Amino acid sequence: MNVQPFKVQIPQATLDDLHQRLARTRWPDEVAGANWDYGANLIYMKELTAYWQNEFDWHAQEKRINAFAHFRADLDGFGIHFIYERGQGPSPVPIIITHGWPGSFFQRHFAV
């Protein structure tokens, strides 16, 4: 099994592209009074998009994510991403956190 350390590093060009795509969002009409009955609420989606475009600091999140020791491994042809942190204290227990479907280690650690 080949195990390689890595860091999350999203290229600035990718973030710039996302910002441009968000700026070009074409908003649909919404059925009056529908709220969430026919999908996501339009006002909510506009607020969320504005947040991602103008407030979210991806580089700060990258820094938080990269505070952990990330690794990739190939196991029987499957790519696995995991975090390995050594235990602390007098009887340390190591922990390996892997991505699960449909959630992830990030959701559990950085729950909003």
Protein backbone atom coordinates (compact mmCIF):
# COMPACT_ATOMS: atom_id res chain seq x y z
CA MET A 1 0.00 0.00 0.00
CA ASN A 2 1.36 3.40 -1.03
CA VAL A 3 0.65 6.14 1.55
CA GLN A 4 1.46 9.77 0.71
CA PRO A 5 1.02 12.87 2.89
CA PHE A 6 -0.70 15.86 1.31
CA LYS A 7 -2.15 19.27 2.07
CA VAL A 8 -5.36 20.76 0.78
CA GLN A 9 -4.33 23.51 -1.63
CA ILE A 10 -6.99 24.89 -3.93
CA PRO A 11 -5.42 26.97 -6.72
CA GLN A 12 -6.36 30.66 -6.68
CA ALA A 13 -7.49 30.30 -10.30
CA THR A 14 -10.12 27.77 -9.16
CA LEU A 15 -11.37 30.14 -6.46
CA ASP A 16 -11.44 33.02 -8.95
CA ASP A 17 -13.45 30.87 -11.36
CA LEU A 18 -15.95 30.04 -8.60
CA HIS A 19 -16.29 33.73 -7.73
CA GLN A 20 -16.97 34.58 -11.39
CA ARG A 21 -19.52 31.78 -11.75
CA LEU A 22 -21.36 32.95 -8.64
CA ALA A 23 -21.42 36.49 -10.02
CA ARG A 24 -23.01 35.17 -13.24
CA THR A 25 -25.79 33.22 -11.51
CA ARG A 26 -29.03 33.43 -13.46
CA TRP A 27 -31.83 33.29 -10.93
CA PRO A 28 -35.12 31.55 -11.78
CA ASP A 29 -38.56 32.84 -10.99
CA GLU A 30 -40.16 31.44 -7.88
CA VAL A 31 -43.74 30.38 -7.31
CA ALA A 32 -45.26 33.03 -5.05
CA GLY A 33 -45.54 31.80 -1.48
CA ALA A 34 -43.87 28.47 -2.25
CA ASN A 35 -41.23 28.83 0.46
CA TRP A 36 -39.45 25.43 0.40
CA ASP A 37 -42.31 23.44 -1.14
CA TYR A 38 -40.76 23.23 -4.63
CA GLY A 39 -37.08 23.20 -3.74
CA ALA A 40 -34.69 25.65 -2.14
CA ASN A 41 -36.10 29.04 -1.20
CA LEU A 42 -34.90 31.71 -3.65
CA ILE A 43 -34.15 34.33 -1.00
CA TYR A 44 -32.12 31.79 0.97
CA MET A 45 -30.18 30.74 -2.14
CA LYS A 46 -29.38 34.37 -3.00
CA GLU A 47 -28.14 34.98 0.56
CA LEU A 48 -26.05 31.80 0.50
CA THR A 49 -24.56 32.70 -2.86
CA ALA A 50 -23.72 36.22 -1.66
CA TYR A 51 -22.00 34.70 1.39
CA TRP A 52 -19.88 32.37 -0.75
CA GLN A 53 -19.05 35.17 -3.16
CA ASN A 54 -18.29 37.97 -0.71
CA GLU A 55 -17.63 36.62 2.78
CA PHE A 56 -16.39 33.04 2.84
CA ASP A 57 -12.62 32.88 3.39
CA TRP A 58 -11.46 29.67 1.72
CA HIS A 59 -7.80 30.23 2.66
CA ALA A 60 -8.74 30.43 6.37
CA GLN A 61 -10.61 27.14 6.03
CA GLU A 62 -7.66 25.56 4.22
CA LYS A 63 -5.47 26.55 7.15
CA ARG A 64 -7.88 24.92 9.63
CA ILE A 65 -8.16 21.78 7.52
CA ASN A 66 -4.39 21.53 7.06
CA ALA A 67 -3.78 21.69 10.82
CA PHE A 68 -4.30 17.93 10.65
CA ALA A 69 -1.98 15.33 9.11
CA HIS A 70 -3.68 14.34 5.85
CA PHE A 71 -2.75 11.29 3.82
CA ARG A 72 -3.82 9.52 0.66
CA ALA A 73 -3.48 5.82 0.11
CA ASP A 74 -4.38 3.34 -2.59
CA LEU A 75 -6.04 0.25 -1.18
CA ASP A 76 -6.99 -2.43 -3.68
CA GLY A 77 -7.50 0.20 -6.37
CA PHE A 78 -9.54 2.54 -4.18
CA GLY A 79 -8.18 5.98 -3.31
CA ILE A 80 -8.56 6.73 0.39
CA HIS A 81 -8.13 10.10 2.08
CA PHE A 82 -7.58 9.99 5.81
CA ILE A 83 -6.31 12.01 8.74
CA TYR A 84 -3.95 10.39 11.18
CA GLU A 85 -3.35 12.05 14.53
CA ARG A 86 -1.32 10.52 17.32
CA GLY A 87 -2.99 10.16 20.68
CA GLN A 88 -1.91 12.34 23.59
CA GLY A 89 -1.55 11.79 27.32
CA PRO A 90 -0.18 8.89 29.35
CA SER A 91 -2.01 6.16 27.36
CA PRO A 92 -2.35 7.64 23.87
CA VAL A 93 -4.67 6.03 21.38
CA PRO A 94 -4.12 6.89 17.73
CA ILE A 95 -7.13 7.72 15.64
CA ILE A 96 -7.63 7.47 11.91
CA ILE A 97 -10.50 9.47 10.48
CA THR A 98 -11.67 8.62 6.98
CA HIS A 99 -14.26 10.10 4.68
CA GLY A 100 -17.62 8.38 4.78
CA TRP A 101 -20.48 8.63 2.37
CA PRO A 102 -22.53 10.78 2.25
CA GLY A 103 -20.79 12.76 5.00
CA SER A 104 -17.18 13.42 5.83
CA PHE A 105 -14.71 13.77 8.67
CA PHE A 106 -14.91 17.53 8.11
CA GLN A 107 -18.61 17.65 9.00
CA ARG A 108 -18.00 15.88 12.26
CA HIS A 109 -15.04 18.01 13.31
CA PHE A 110 -16.09 21.38 11.95
CA ALA A 111 -19.85 21.05 12.47
CA VAL A 112 -21.50 24.40 11.90
